C-alpha cells in the first residue's frame, strides 16, 4: 500500500534486479569474446615465442603492439569522431609518439610505427598496453547508445579494429614461425 505522497512502502532495490542488457552491452560482449580467444593464445606463449616471426613477417611482440594500437583507436573513433567530443592523443594513444602531422596516414604507416615501438619495449610493456587498449575498447563499446549503435560507419570501425582484427591475428599467432 502506498504511503501518503505516492511513495511505495518498499521501493524497488537496484541490487535485487538484474541490469538491463542493451545492444551496446551485447556488442561489448562480442568484442570481449573475440579478445578472450586471442588473449588465451597469448597466455600460452613462452618468453622466447614473443620473438618468433609470424607469417606476415613481424615478431609476435610487434604484432601484439600493432593489435594494441588498433584497439586504442576505438576510443578516438567513438569519442572524437562519432560524438565530436575533444579527446587528446594522450587520452587514447598508448605509444610514445603518434607522429601525426596532417591527415590520417595509411595503415602501413601506423603498423610500421607500432612495430618499431615494440622493438624498444619489453614484452611486459607490450602486454600491458594490449590489455589496457582492450579494456578501453570494451568500455567504449558498452557506452554506445542505441542511435550510435545504429551508425554502421562507426560500429563497423569498432568491429574491424577489435573483433575482426583479433580473429585475424589469432590465426596468425597460431601459425607463427619458430624464432
N, C-alpha and C. Protein backbone atom coordinates (compact mmCIF):
# COMPACT_ATOMS: atom_id res chain seq x y z
N UNK A 1 0.84 -1.17 0.00
CA UNK A 1 0.00 0.00 0.00
C UNK A 1 0.88 1.24 0.00
N UNK A 2 0.66 2.14 -0.94
CA UNK A 2 1.49 3.35 -0.99
C UNK A 2 1.27 4.24 0.22
N UNK A 3 2.33 4.90 0.63
CA UNK A 3 2.25 5.91 1.68
C UNK A 3 1.69 7.18 1.08
N UNK A 4 1.39 8.13 1.95
CA UNK A 4 0.94 9.45 1.50
C UNK A 4 2.02 10.03 0.61
N UNK A 5 1.64 10.64 -0.47
CA UNK A 5 2.61 11.21 -1.40
C UNK A 5 2.95 10.26 -2.52
N UNK A 6 2.35 9.09 -2.56
CA UNK A 6 2.54 8.17 -3.67
C UNK A 6 3.81 7.34 -3.61
N UNK A 7 4.54 7.36 -2.51
CA UNK A 7 5.76 6.57 -2.41
C UNK A 7 5.43 5.14 -1.99
N UNK A 8 6.03 4.18 -2.64
CA UNK A 8 5.80 2.78 -2.30
C UNK A 8 6.39 2.48 -0.94
N UNK A 9 5.73 1.60 -0.20
CA UNK A 9 6.23 1.20 1.11
C UNK A 9 7.58 0.51 0.98
N UNK A 10 7.74 -0.30 -0.03
CA UNK A 10 9.01 -1.00 -0.30
C UNK A 10 9.48 -0.60 -1.69
N UNK A 11 10.24 0.49 -1.79
CA UNK A 11 10.69 0.93 -3.11
C UNK A 11 11.59 -0.12 -3.76
N UNK A 12 11.63 -0.15 -5.09
CA UNK A 12 12.49 -1.11 -5.78
C UNK A 12 13.94 -0.94 -5.33
N UNK A 13 14.64 -2.04 -5.26
CA UNK A 13 16.06 -2.01 -4.89
C UNK A 13 16.86 -2.47 -6.09
N UNK A 14 17.79 -1.64 -6.49
CA UNK A 14 18.61 -1.95 -7.67
C UNK A 14 19.37 -3.25 -7.50
N UNK A 15 19.77 -3.57 -6.27
CA UNK A 15 20.57 -4.78 -6.06
C UNK A 15 19.75 -6.06 -6.20
N UNK A 16 18.43 -5.94 -6.27
CA UNK A 16 17.58 -7.13 -6.40
C UNK A 16 17.13 -7.39 -7.83
N UNK A 17 17.41 -6.49 -8.73
CA UNK A 17 17.01 -6.72 -10.11
C UNK A 17 18.26 -6.73 -10.98
N UNK A 18 18.20 -7.52 -12.00
CA UNK A 18 19.37 -7.60 -12.87
C UNK A 18 19.43 -6.37 -13.76
N UNK A 19 20.63 -6.05 -14.16
CA UNK A 19 20.85 -4.92 -15.04
C UNK A 19 20.24 -5.21 -16.40
N UNK A 20 19.65 -4.21 -17.00
CA UNK A 20 19.10 -4.39 -18.35
C UNK A 20 20.25 -4.58 -19.33
N UNK A 21 20.05 -5.42 -20.29
CA UNK A 21 21.06 -5.63 -21.32
C UNK A 21 20.71 -4.77 -22.52
N UNK A 22 21.63 -3.92 -22.91
CA UNK A 22 21.42 -3.06 -24.06
C UNK A 22 22.13 -3.65 -25.27
N UNK A 23 21.86 -3.09 -26.44
CA UNK A 23 22.56 -3.50 -27.66
C UNK A 23 24.06 -3.30 -27.49
N UNK A 24 24.42 -2.21 -26.82
CA UNK A 24 25.84 -1.93 -26.60
C UNK A 24 26.48 -2.96 -25.68
N UNK A 25 25.74 -3.44 -24.68
CA UNK A 25 26.28 -4.49 -23.80
C UNK A 25 26.58 -5.75 -24.60
N UNK A 26 25.66 -6.11 -25.49
CA UNK A 26 25.85 -7.29 -26.34
C UNK A 26 27.05 -7.08 -27.25
N UNK A 27 27.15 -5.89 -27.83
CA UNK A 27 28.27 -5.55 -28.71
C UNK A 27 29.60 -5.65 -27.94
N UNK A 28 29.64 -5.08 -26.75
CA UNK A 28 30.85 -5.14 -25.93
C UNK A 28 31.21 -6.58 -25.59
N UNK A 29 30.20 -7.41 -25.33
CA UNK A 29 30.45 -8.83 -25.07
C UNK A 29 31.03 -9.53 -26.29
N UNK A 30 30.59 -9.15 -27.49
CA UNK A 30 31.16 -9.73 -28.72
C UNK A 30 32.63 -9.36 -28.86
N UNK A 31 32.94 -8.10 -28.56
CA UNK A 31 34.34 -7.65 -28.59
C UNK A 31 35.15 -8.46 -27.59
N UNK A 32 34.62 -8.63 -26.40
CA UNK A 32 35.32 -9.34 -25.33
C UNK A 32 35.50 -10.82 -25.65
N UNK A 33 34.52 -11.44 -26.29
CA UNK A 33 34.61 -12.86 -26.65
C UNK A 33 35.74 -13.09 -27.65
N UNK A 34 35.81 -12.24 -28.67
CA UNK A 34 36.90 -12.36 -29.65
C UNK A 34 38.25 -12.14 -28.97
N UNK A 35 38.30 -11.19 -28.06
CA UNK A 35 39.52 -10.90 -27.31
C UNK A 35 39.98 -12.09 -26.49
N UNK A 36 39.04 -12.73 -25.82
CA UNK A 36 39.37 -13.83 -24.92
C UNK A 36 40.13 -14.93 -25.65
N UNK A 37 39.71 -15.26 -26.84
CA UNK A 37 40.42 -16.29 -27.61
C UNK A 37 41.85 -15.87 -27.91
N UNK A 38 42.02 -14.63 -28.34
CA UNK A 38 43.37 -14.13 -28.64
C UNK A 38 44.21 -14.11 -27.37
N UNK A 39 43.67 -13.59 -26.30
CA UNK A 39 44.46 -13.45 -25.07
C UNK A 39 44.83 -14.81 -24.48
N UNK A 40 43.94 -15.79 -24.60
CA UNK A 40 44.27 -17.13 -24.12
C UNK A 40 45.43 -17.72 -24.92
N UNK A 41 45.45 -17.48 -26.21
CA UNK A 41 46.56 -17.96 -27.04
C UNK A 41 47.86 -17.26 -26.64
N UNK A 42 47.80 -15.97 -26.38
CA UNK A 42 48.98 -15.22 -25.94
C UNK A 42 49.48 -15.78 -24.61
N UNK A 43 48.57 -16.12 -23.72
CA UNK A 43 48.94 -16.66 -22.41
C UNK A 43 49.66 -18.00 -22.50
N UNK A 44 49.49 -18.70 -23.60
CA UNK A 44 50.16 -20.00 -23.79
C UNK A 44 51.63 -19.85 -24.24
N UNK A 45 52.02 -18.65 -24.61
CA UNK A 45 53.35 -18.44 -25.17
C UNK A 45 54.43 -18.47 -24.09
N UNK A 46 55.58 -18.99 -24.47
CA UNK A 46 56.78 -18.89 -23.63
C UNK A 46 57.48 -17.58 -23.98
N UNK A 47 58.40 -17.16 -23.12
CA UNK A 47 59.09 -15.88 -23.33
C UNK A 47 59.72 -15.78 -24.72
N UNK A 48 60.35 -16.85 -25.18
CA UNK A 48 61.02 -16.79 -26.48
C UNK A 48 60.04 -16.73 -27.65
N UNK A 49 58.80 -17.15 -27.43
CA UNK A 49 57.80 -17.12 -28.50
C UNK A 49 57.47 -15.71 -28.97
N UNK A 50 57.68 -14.72 -28.12
CA UNK A 50 57.36 -13.35 -28.50
C UNK A 50 58.32 -12.81 -29.55
N UNK A 51 59.46 -13.48 -29.72
CA UNK A 51 60.41 -13.08 -30.76
C UNK A 51 60.25 -13.92 -32.03
N UNK A 52 59.35 -14.89 -31.99
CA UNK A 52 59.09 -15.72 -33.18
C UNK A 52 58.46 -14.85 -34.27
N UNK A 53 58.75 -15.19 -35.50
CA UNK A 53 58.17 -14.47 -36.65
C UNK A 53 56.82 -15.06 -37.00
N UNK A 54 55.93 -14.19 -37.40
CA UNK A 54 54.61 -14.62 -37.87
C UNK A 54 54.66 -14.75 -39.39
N UNK A 55 53.66 -15.35 -40.00
CA UNK A 55 53.64 -15.44 -41.46
C UNK A 55 53.71 -14.07 -42.15
N UNK A 56 53.27 -13.01 -41.48
CA UNK A 56 53.32 -11.67 -42.07
C UNK A 56 54.72 -11.06 -41.98
N UNK A 57 55.62 -11.68 -41.20
CA UNK A 57 57.00 -11.21 -41.15
C UNK A 57 57.40 -10.45 -39.91
N UNK A 58 56.47 -10.07 -39.09
CA UNK A 58 56.87 -9.38 -37.87
C UNK A 58 56.92 -10.36 -36.71
N UNK A 59 57.54 -9.93 -35.61
CA UNK A 59 57.58 -10.80 -34.44
C UNK A 59 56.21 -10.78 -33.77
N UNK A 60 55.99 -11.78 -32.93
CA UNK A 60 54.73 -11.82 -32.17
C UNK A 60 54.59 -10.54 -31.35
N UNK A 61 55.67 -10.10 -30.74
CA UNK A 61 55.62 -8.88 -29.92
C UNK A 61 55.24 -7.67 -30.76
N UNK A 62 55.81 -7.55 -31.95
CA UNK A 62 55.46 -6.44 -32.84
C UNK A 62 53.99 -6.51 -33.26
N UNK A 63 53.54 -7.73 -33.55
CA UNK A 63 52.14 -7.91 -33.96
C UNK A 63 51.20 -7.49 -32.83
N UNK A 64 51.53 -7.84 -31.60
CA UNK A 64 50.66 -7.50 -30.47
C UNK A 64 50.63 -5.99 -30.21
N UNK A 65 51.75 -5.30 -30.43
CA UNK A 65 51.75 -3.84 -30.31
C UNK A 65 50.84 -3.23 -31.38
N UNK A 66 50.89 -3.80 -32.56
CA UNK A 66 50.02 -3.37 -33.66
C UNK A 66 48.55 -3.59 -33.29
N UNK A 67 48.22 -4.73 -32.74
CA UNK A 67 46.84 -5.02 -32.31
C UNK A 67 46.42 -4.02 -31.23
N UNK A 68 47.32 -3.72 -30.31
CA UNK A 68 47.01 -2.75 -29.25
C UNK A 68 46.66 -1.40 -29.85
N UNK A 69 47.47 -0.94 -30.80
CA UNK A 69 47.21 0.37 -31.41
C UNK A 69 45.81 0.43 -32.02
N UNK A 70 45.46 -0.56 -32.81
CA UNK A 70 44.16 -0.50 -33.49
C UNK A 70 43.01 -0.60 -32.49
N UNK A 71 43.20 -1.33 -31.38
CA UNK A 71 42.17 -1.34 -30.34
C UNK A 71 42.08 0.03 -29.66
N UNK A 72 43.22 0.70 -29.51
CA UNK A 72 43.22 2.05 -28.92
C UNK A 72 42.40 3.03 -29.76
N UNK A 73 42.38 2.84 -31.06
CA UNK A 73 41.67 3.79 -31.93
C UNK A 73 40.16 3.76 -31.71
N UNK A 74 39.64 2.72 -31.09
CA UNK A 74 38.19 2.64 -30.84
C UNK A 74 37.72 3.86 -30.05
N UNK A 75 38.44 4.20 -29.01
CA UNK A 75 38.05 5.34 -28.18
C UNK A 75 38.09 6.64 -28.98
N UNK A 76 39.13 6.82 -29.78
CA UNK A 76 39.25 8.02 -30.60
C UNK A 76 38.12 8.10 -31.64
N UNK A 77 37.80 6.97 -32.25
CA UNK A 77 36.74 6.94 -33.26
C UNK A 77 35.39 7.29 -32.64
N UNK A 78 35.06 6.68 -31.52
CA UNK A 78 33.74 6.90 -30.92
C UNK A 78 33.66 8.27 -30.24
N UNK A 79 34.60 8.57 -29.39
CA UNK A 79 34.55 9.84 -28.65
C UNK A 79 34.84 11.02 -29.57
N UNK A 80 35.92 10.94 -30.32
CA UNK A 80 36.34 12.08 -31.13
C UNK A 80 35.57 12.26 -32.42
N UNK A 81 35.36 11.17 -33.15
CA UNK A 81 34.71 11.28 -34.46
C UNK A 81 33.19 11.20 -34.36
N UNK A 82 32.67 10.15 -33.76
CA UNK A 82 31.21 9.97 -33.70
C UNK A 82 30.56 11.04 -32.82
N UNK A 83 31.08 11.21 -31.61
CA UNK A 83 30.46 12.14 -30.67
C UNK A 83 30.95 13.57 -30.83
N UNK A 84 32.06 13.75 -31.53
CA UNK A 84 32.60 15.09 -31.74
C UNK A 84 33.12 15.74 -30.48
N UNK A 85 33.47 14.93 -29.49
CA UNK A 85 33.99 15.46 -28.23
C UNK A 85 35.51 15.56 -28.33
N UNK A 86 36.09 16.51 -27.64
CA UNK A 86 37.55 16.61 -27.67
C UNK A 86 38.18 15.40 -26.97
N UNK A 87 39.22 14.88 -27.59
CA UNK A 87 39.98 13.78 -26.99
C UNK A 87 41.43 13.95 -27.44
N UNK A 88 42.30 14.07 -26.50
CA UNK A 88 43.71 14.28 -26.83
C UNK A 88 44.38 12.96 -27.14
N UNK A 89 45.48 13.05 -27.84
CA UNK A 89 46.28 11.86 -28.14
C UNK A 89 46.65 11.12 -26.86
N UNK A 90 46.99 11.86 -25.83
CA UNK A 90 47.40 11.25 -24.56
C UNK A 90 46.27 10.45 -23.92
N UNK A 91 45.02 10.79 -24.24
CA UNK A 91 43.88 10.08 -23.65
C UNK A 91 43.65 8.72 -24.27
N UNK A 92 44.03 8.53 -25.53
CA UNK A 92 43.72 7.26 -26.18
C UNK A 92 44.94 6.52 -26.70
N UNK A 93 46.05 7.19 -26.96
CA UNK A 93 47.20 6.54 -27.59
C UNK A 93 48.19 6.07 -26.54
N UNK A 94 48.57 4.79 -26.58
CA UNK A 94 49.46 4.21 -25.59
C UNK A 94 50.92 4.14 -26.00
N UNK A 95 51.23 4.59 -27.20
CA UNK A 95 52.62 4.57 -27.66
C UNK A 95 53.37 5.81 -27.21
N UNK A 96 54.56 5.99 -27.79
CA UNK A 96 55.42 7.11 -27.41
C UNK A 96 55.11 8.39 -28.17
N UNK A 97 54.88 8.27 -29.48
CA UNK A 97 54.71 9.45 -30.31
C UNK A 97 53.94 9.05 -31.56
N UNK A 98 52.73 9.51 -31.66
CA UNK A 98 51.87 9.16 -32.79
C UNK A 98 52.40 9.75 -34.09
N UNK A 99 53.10 10.84 -34.00
CA UNK A 99 53.74 11.49 -35.16
C UNK A 99 52.75 11.81 -36.28
N UNK A 100 51.64 12.37 -35.94
CA UNK A 100 50.68 12.80 -36.95
C UNK A 100 50.89 14.27 -37.26
N UNK A 101 51.01 14.56 -38.52
CA UNK A 101 51.12 15.96 -38.94
C UNK A 101 50.31 16.11 -40.23
N UNK A 102 49.04 16.19 -40.06
CA UNK A 102 48.16 16.28 -41.22
C UNK A 102 47.09 15.22 -41.17
N UNK A 103 46.72 14.74 -42.32
CA UNK A 103 45.64 13.75 -42.39
C UNK A 103 46.10 12.39 -41.88
N UNK A 104 45.13 11.56 -41.57
CA UNK A 104 45.38 10.22 -41.05
C UNK A 104 46.13 9.41 -42.10
N UNK A 105 47.31 8.90 -41.77
CA UNK A 105 48.10 8.17 -42.77
C UNK A 105 47.56 6.77 -43.07
N UNK A 106 48.12 6.18 -44.09
CA UNK A 106 47.79 4.81 -44.48
C UNK A 106 48.10 3.86 -43.32
N UNK A 107 47.36 2.78 -43.23
CA UNK A 107 47.54 1.81 -42.14
C UNK A 107 48.98 1.33 -42.02
N UNK A 108 49.67 1.17 -43.14
CA UNK A 108 51.05 0.69 -43.10
C UNK A 108 51.97 1.62 -42.31
N UNK A 109 51.69 2.91 -42.34
CA UNK A 109 52.49 3.88 -41.57
C UNK A 109 52.31 3.61 -40.07
N UNK A 110 51.08 3.41 -39.66
CA UNK A 110 50.81 3.10 -38.25
C UNK A 110 51.43 1.76 -37.87
N UNK A 111 51.27 0.77 -38.73
CA UNK A 111 51.78 -0.57 -38.42
C UNK A 111 53.30 -0.56 -38.24
N UNK A 112 54.01 0.15 -39.11
CA UNK A 112 55.47 0.23 -39.01
C UNK A 112 55.88 0.94 -37.72
N UNK A 113 55.18 2.02 -37.38
CA UNK A 113 55.50 2.77 -36.16
C UNK A 113 55.29 1.90 -34.92
N UNK A 114 54.21 1.13 -34.90
CA UNK A 114 53.92 0.31 -33.72
C UNK A 114 54.88 -0.88 -33.61
N UNK A 115 55.31 -1.43 -34.73
CA UNK A 115 56.32 -2.50 -34.70
C UNK A 115 57.62 -1.95 -34.14
N UNK A 116 57.97 -0.75 -34.56
CA UNK A 116 59.19 -0.11 -34.05
C UNK A 116 59.06 0.17 -32.55
N UNK A 117 57.89 0.59 -32.12
CA UNK A 117 57.65 0.83 -30.69
C UNK A 117 57.88 -0.47 -29.91
N UNK A 118 57.38 -1.58 -30.42
CA UNK A 118 57.52 -2.88 -29.73
C UNK A 118 58.98 -3.28 -29.59
N UNK A 119 59.79 -2.98 -30.59
CA UNK A 119 61.22 -3.34 -30.52
C UNK A 119 61.93 -2.60 -29.40
N UNK A 120 61.43 -1.44 -29.01
CA UNK A 120 62.05 -0.63 -27.96
C UNK A 120 61.47 -0.89 -26.57
N UNK A 121 60.47 -1.76 -26.49
CA UNK A 121 59.80 -2.00 -25.22
C UNK A 121 59.80 -3.49 -24.88
N UNK A 122 59.67 -3.75 -23.59
CA UNK A 122 59.66 -5.14 -23.13
C UNK A 122 58.35 -5.82 -23.50
N UNK A 123 58.39 -7.13 -23.49
CA UNK A 123 57.16 -7.90 -23.72
C UNK A 123 56.11 -7.53 -22.68
N UNK A 124 56.53 -7.36 -21.45
CA UNK A 124 55.60 -6.98 -20.38
C UNK A 124 54.89 -5.67 -20.71
N UNK A 125 55.65 -4.68 -21.19
CA UNK A 125 55.06 -3.39 -21.54
C UNK A 125 54.09 -3.52 -22.71
N UNK A 126 54.44 -4.34 -23.68
CA UNK A 126 53.56 -4.56 -24.83
C UNK A 126 52.24 -5.19 -24.36
N UNK A 127 52.35 -6.18 -23.49
CA UNK A 127 51.14 -6.85 -22.99
C UNK A 127 50.29 -5.92 -22.12
N UNK A 128 50.94 -5.08 -21.33
CA UNK A 128 50.19 -4.11 -20.52
C UNK A 128 49.42 -3.15 -21.43
N UNK A 129 50.08 -2.70 -22.48
CA UNK A 129 49.41 -1.79 -23.42
C UNK A 129 48.26 -2.51 -24.12
N UNK A 130 48.49 -3.73 -24.53
CA UNK A 130 47.46 -4.52 -25.20
C UNK A 130 46.23 -4.70 -24.30
N UNK A 131 46.46 -5.08 -23.06
CA UNK A 131 45.35 -5.29 -22.12
C UNK A 131 44.60 -3.98 -21.85
N UNK A 132 45.33 -2.90 -21.66
CA UNK A 132 44.69 -1.60 -21.40
C UNK A 132 43.88 -1.14 -22.60
N UNK A 133 44.42 -1.34 -23.79
CA UNK A 133 43.70 -0.95 -25.01
C UNK A 133 42.40 -1.72 -25.14
N UNK A 134 42.46 -3.00 -24.86
CA UNK A 134 41.24 -3.80 -24.95
C UNK A 134 40.20 -3.36 -23.92
N UNK A 135 40.64 -3.14 -22.69
CA UNK A 135 39.69 -2.70 -21.65
C UNK A 135 38.99 -1.41 -22.06
N UNK A 136 39.75 -0.46 -22.61
CA UNK A 136 39.14 0.81 -23.04
C UNK A 136 38.22 0.59 -24.22
N UNK A 137 38.57 -0.31 -25.13
CA UNK A 137 37.70 -0.59 -26.28
C UNK A 137 36.37 -1.16 -25.82
N UNK A 138 36.40 -2.09 -24.87
CA UNK A 138 35.17 -2.69 -24.36
C UNK A 138 34.33 -1.64 -23.62
N UNK A 139 34.95 -0.84 -22.80
CA UNK A 139 34.24 0.21 -22.08
C UNK A 139 33.59 1.19 -23.06
N UNK A 140 34.33 1.55 -24.09
CA UNK A 140 33.80 2.47 -25.09
C UNK A 140 32.64 1.84 -25.85
N UNK A 141 32.80 0.59 -26.26
CA UNK A 141 31.71 -0.10 -26.98
C UNK A 141 30.46 -0.19 -26.11
N UNK A 142 30.63 -0.46 -24.83
CA UNK A 142 29.49 -0.58 -23.92
C UNK A 142 28.81 0.76 -23.68
N UNK A 143 29.49 1.86 -23.96
CA UNK A 143 28.93 3.19 -23.71
C UNK A 143 28.05 3.70 -24.85
N UNK A 144 28.00 2.98 -25.95
CA UNK A 144 27.21 3.44 -27.11
C UNK A 144 25.72 3.43 -26.80
N UNK A 145 25.02 4.47 -27.22
CA UNK A 145 23.57 4.46 -27.07
C UNK A 145 22.96 3.83 -28.33
N UNK A 146 21.65 3.67 -28.35
CA UNK A 146 21.00 2.98 -29.47
C UNK A 146 21.21 3.69 -30.80
N UNK A 147 21.16 5.02 -30.81
CA UNK A 147 21.40 5.76 -32.05
C UNK A 147 22.83 5.56 -32.54
N UNK A 148 23.78 5.57 -31.63
CA UNK A 148 25.18 5.35 -32.00
C UNK A 148 25.38 3.92 -32.50
N UNK A 149 24.71 2.97 -31.86
CA UNK A 149 24.81 1.58 -32.31
C UNK A 149 24.28 1.41 -33.73
N UNK A 150 23.33 2.23 -34.12
CA UNK A 150 22.72 2.13 -35.45
C UNK A 150 23.61 2.72 -36.54
N UNK A 151 24.65 3.44 -36.17
CA UNK A 151 25.53 4.07 -37.16
C UNK A 151 26.67 3.12 -37.53
N UNK A 152 26.45 2.38 -38.58
CA UNK A 152 27.40 1.34 -39.01
C UNK A 152 28.76 1.90 -39.41
N UNK A 153 28.82 3.17 -39.78
CA UNK A 153 30.13 3.76 -40.10
C UNK A 153 31.08 3.62 -38.92
N UNK A 154 30.54 3.78 -37.73
CA UNK A 154 31.38 3.74 -36.54
C UNK A 154 31.42 2.37 -35.89
N UNK A 155 30.28 1.71 -35.78
CA UNK A 155 30.31 0.36 -35.21
C UNK A 155 31.10 -0.58 -36.12
N UNK A 156 31.08 -0.32 -37.42
CA UNK A 156 31.89 -1.12 -38.34
C UNK A 156 33.38 -0.95 -38.08
N UNK A 157 33.78 0.28 -37.76
CA UNK A 157 35.19 0.52 -37.43
C UNK A 157 35.57 -0.18 -36.12
N UNK A 158 34.66 -0.15 -35.17
CA UNK A 158 34.92 -0.83 -33.90
C UNK A 158 35.08 -2.33 -34.15
N UNK A 159 34.16 -2.91 -34.92
CA UNK A 159 34.26 -4.35 -35.24
C UNK A 159 35.58 -4.66 -35.95
N UNK A 160 35.92 -3.84 -36.94
CA UNK A 160 37.14 -4.07 -37.73
C UNK A 160 38.38 -4.00 -36.85
N UNK A 161 38.41 -3.05 -35.93
CA UNK A 161 39.62 -2.83 -35.12
C UNK A 161 39.68 -3.68 -33.87
N UNK A 162 38.63 -4.45 -33.61
CA UNK A 162 38.64 -5.35 -32.46
C UNK A 162 38.27 -6.77 -32.91
N UNK A 163 37.00 -7.05 -33.05
CA UNK A 163 36.54 -8.42 -33.32
C UNK A 163 37.26 -9.04 -34.51
N UNK A 164 37.18 -8.39 -35.67
CA UNK A 164 37.78 -8.96 -36.88
C UNK A 164 39.30 -8.97 -36.78
N UNK A 165 39.85 -7.94 -36.17
CA UNK A 165 41.30 -7.83 -36.04
C UNK A 165 41.85 -8.88 -35.08
N UNK A 166 41.17 -9.07 -33.96
CA UNK A 166 41.60 -10.10 -33.01
C UNK A 166 41.57 -11.47 -33.67
N UNK A 167 40.52 -11.74 -34.43
CA UNK A 167 40.37 -13.04 -35.09
C UNK A 167 41.46 -13.24 -36.14
N UNK A 168 41.73 -12.21 -36.91
CA UNK A 168 42.78 -12.27 -37.94
C UNK A 168 44.14 -12.59 -37.31
N UNK A 169 44.47 -11.90 -36.23
CA UNK A 169 45.79 -12.09 -35.63
C UNK A 169 45.85 -13.31 -34.73
N UNK A 170 44.73 -13.82 -34.28
CA UNK A 170 44.71 -15.11 -33.60
C UNK A 170 45.19 -16.19 -34.56
N UNK A 171 44.67 -16.17 -35.77
CA UNK A 171 45.09 -17.15 -36.78
C UNK A 171 46.57 -17.00 -37.08
N UNK A 172 47.04 -15.77 -37.20
CA UNK A 172 48.46 -15.52 -37.46
C UNK A 172 49.31 -16.01 -36.29
N UNK A 173 48.86 -15.77 -35.10
CA UNK A 173 49.59 -16.21 -33.91
C UNK A 173 49.70 -17.73 -33.87
N UNK A 174 48.64 -18.39 -34.22
CA UNK A 174 48.65 -19.86 -34.22
C UNK A 174 49.57 -20.44 -35.28
N UNK A 175 49.86 -19.68 -36.31
CA UNK A 175 50.71 -20.16 -37.40
C UNK A 175 52.08 -19.48 -37.41
N UNK A 176 52.51 -19.03 -36.24
CA UNK A 176 53.81 -18.35 -36.17
C UNK A 176 54.94 -19.31 -36.55
N UNK A 177 56.01 -18.71 -36.97
CA UNK A 177 57.20 -19.46 -37.36
C UNK A 177 58.16 -19.42 -36.18
N UNK A 178 58.84 -20.50 -35.91
CA UNK A 178 59.72 -20.53 -34.73
C UNK A 178 60.82 -19.49 -34.84
N UNK A 179 61.25 -19.00 -33.68
CA UNK A 179 62.26 -17.94 -33.60
C UNK A 179 63.61 -18.42 -34.10
